[in-house]
Amino acid sequence: MSSELTRTKHPGGRPAGSPNTTKPWADAIRRAVHRTSEDGKTKRLDLLADVLVVSGLAGDVHALKEIGDRLDGKARLNIDARINRSVDDFSGEELDTLIAAAGLAEDEVVH
């Protein structure tokens, strides 16, 4: 055996030794859901999806949320923050930070 180190790839495409290279539980679940079921035709993942839909139809709120998140994406959280301060109360640095955060160009700022 060579004493020279070789860089091998993890089955997931990550280099061996890189962070998060071993996730045995996730790997085992991934293999299990991609196997075919006892009928030899249906993927287990499809059976799990069927169970989720049936649970949703039965009124399971968690199942309904999961279905909605998977189909429509997770709901975005919008934050509307109002600050009761006068422009004169901000330092120049604070104003520059707020202007940059708003994505305004210098020519868009009214002085």
Protein backbone atom coordinates (compact mmCIF):
# COMPACT_ATOMS: atom_id res chain seq x y z
CA MET A 1 0.00 0.00 0.00
CA SER A 2 1.28 3.43 -0.91
CA SER A 3 2.13 5.88 1.86
CA GLU A 4 0.91 8.67 -0.40
CA LEU A 5 -2.52 10.03 0.52
CA THR A 6 -5.12 9.86 -2.20
CA ARG A 7 -8.18 12.03 -2.36
CA THR A 8 -11.21 9.79 -2.65
CA LYS A 9 -14.76 10.88 -3.23
CA HIS A 10 -17.65 10.05 -0.93
CA PRO A 11 -20.60 8.46 -2.77
CA GLY A 12 -22.46 11.77 -2.40
CA GLY A 13 -19.72 13.52 -4.41
CA ARG A 14 -18.05 15.20 -1.45
CA PRO A 15 -14.30 14.70 -0.96
CA ALA A 16 -13.49 12.20 1.80
CA GLY A 17 -12.68 14.03 5.01
CA SER A 18 -14.75 17.11 4.19
CA PRO A 19 -17.33 18.27 6.74
CA ASN A 20 -20.61 16.35 6.82
CA THR A 21 -19.21 13.39 4.91
CA THR A 22 -20.92 10.81 7.09
CA LYS A 23 -24.62 10.94 7.67
CA PRO A 24 -25.41 7.27 8.26
CA TRP A 25 -29.03 7.81 9.31
CA ALA A 26 -29.85 10.01 6.30
CA ASP A 27 -28.02 7.58 4.00
CA ALA A 28 -29.96 4.60 5.41
CA ILE A 29 -33.31 6.37 5.02
CA ARG A 30 -32.42 7.41 1.47
CA ARG A 31 -31.61 3.80 0.54
CA ALA A 32 -34.77 2.49 2.23
CA VAL A 33 -37.18 4.87 0.50
CA HIS A 34 -35.69 4.18 -2.93
CA ARG A 35 -36.17 0.42 -2.63
CA THR A 36 -39.24 -1.13 -4.16
CA SER A 37 -42.03 -2.31 -1.90
CA GLU A 38 -43.12 -5.88 -1.39
CA ASP A 39 -45.13 -5.85 -4.64
CA GLY A 40 -41.87 -5.33 -6.54
CA LYS A 41 -43.26 -2.39 -8.53
CA THR A 42 -43.93 0.55 -6.24
CA LYS A 43 -41.19 2.64 -4.69
CA ARG A 44 -41.44 2.96 -0.94
CA LEU A 45 -41.18 6.72 -1.33
CA ASP A 46 -44.45 6.67 -3.28
CA LEU A 47 -46.08 4.66 -0.50
CA LEU A 48 -44.89 7.21 2.06
CA ALA A 49 -46.32 10.02 -0.06
CA ASP A 50 -49.64 8.16 -0.20
CA VAL A 51 -49.69 7.85 3.59
CA LEU A 52 -49.02 11.59 3.90
CA VAL A 53 -51.90 12.45 1.56
CA VAL A 54 -54.29 10.05 3.33
CA SER A 55 -53.30 11.60 6.68
CA GLY A 56 -53.98 15.06 5.26
CA LEU A 57 -57.37 13.98 3.98
CA ALA A 58 -58.15 12.66 7.45
CA GLY A 59 -57.48 16.12 8.86
CA ASP A 60 -53.94 15.70 10.21
CA VAL A 61 -52.77 19.32 10.43
CA HIS A 62 -49.07 18.37 10.31
CA ALA A 63 -49.63 16.38 7.13
CA LEU A 64 -51.57 19.25 5.58
CA LYS A 65 -48.76 21.68 6.42
CA GLU A 66 -46.13 19.34 4.96
CA ILE A 67 -48.13 18.91 1.75
CA GLY A 68 -48.62 22.66 1.45
CA ASP A 69 -44.94 23.36 2.10
CA ARG A 70 -43.87 20.80 -0.49
CA LEU A 71 -46.29 21.97 -3.18
CA ASP A 72 -46.35 25.73 -2.63
CA GLY A 73 -43.13 26.27 -0.69
CA LYS A 74 -42.87 27.45 2.88
CA ALA A 75 -44.65 30.67 3.72
CA ARG A 76 -42.36 33.67 3.88
CA LEU A 77 -42.18 35.67 7.05
CA ASN A 78 -42.69 39.34 6.33
CA ILE A 79 -41.56 41.77 8.99
CA ASP A 80 -42.85 45.30 8.95
CA ALA A 81 -40.77 47.28 11.41
CA ARG A 82 -41.59 50.89 12.04
CA ILE A 83 -39.16 53.09 13.89
CA ASN A 84 -40.46 56.16 15.62
CA ARG A 85 -37.32 58.22 15.20
CA SER A 86 -36.71 61.35 13.24
CA VAL A 87 -34.08 61.30 10.50
CA ASP A 88 -32.22 63.88 12.58
CA ASP A 89 -31.87 61.30 15.40
CA PHE A 90 -29.73 58.95 13.23
CA SER A 91 -25.98 59.31 12.87
CA GLY A 92 -24.51 59.57 9.38
CA GLU A 93 -23.20 56.01 9.69
CA GLU A 94 -26.65 54.70 10.70
CA LEU A 95 -28.24 56.48 7.74
CA ASP A 96 -25.65 55.03 5.36
CA THR A 97 -26.38 51.55 6.73
CA LEU A 98 -30.14 51.99 6.29
CA ILE A 99 -29.69 53.35 2.76
CA ALA A 100 -27.44 50.41 1.82
CA ALA A 101 -29.90 47.92 3.36
CA ALA A 102 -32.71 49.44 1.30
CA GLY A 103 -30.61 48.92 -1.84
CA LEU A 104 -30.75 52.57 -2.81
CA ALA A 105 -28.12 54.18 -5.00
CA GLU A 106 -26.58 57.49 -3.94
CA ASP A 107 -28.51 59.37 -6.66
CA GLU A 108 -31.83 58.00 -5.29
CA VAL A 109 -31.31 59.51 -1.83
CA VAL A 110 -32.91 62.87 -1.19
CA HIS A 111 -30.72 65.00 1.07
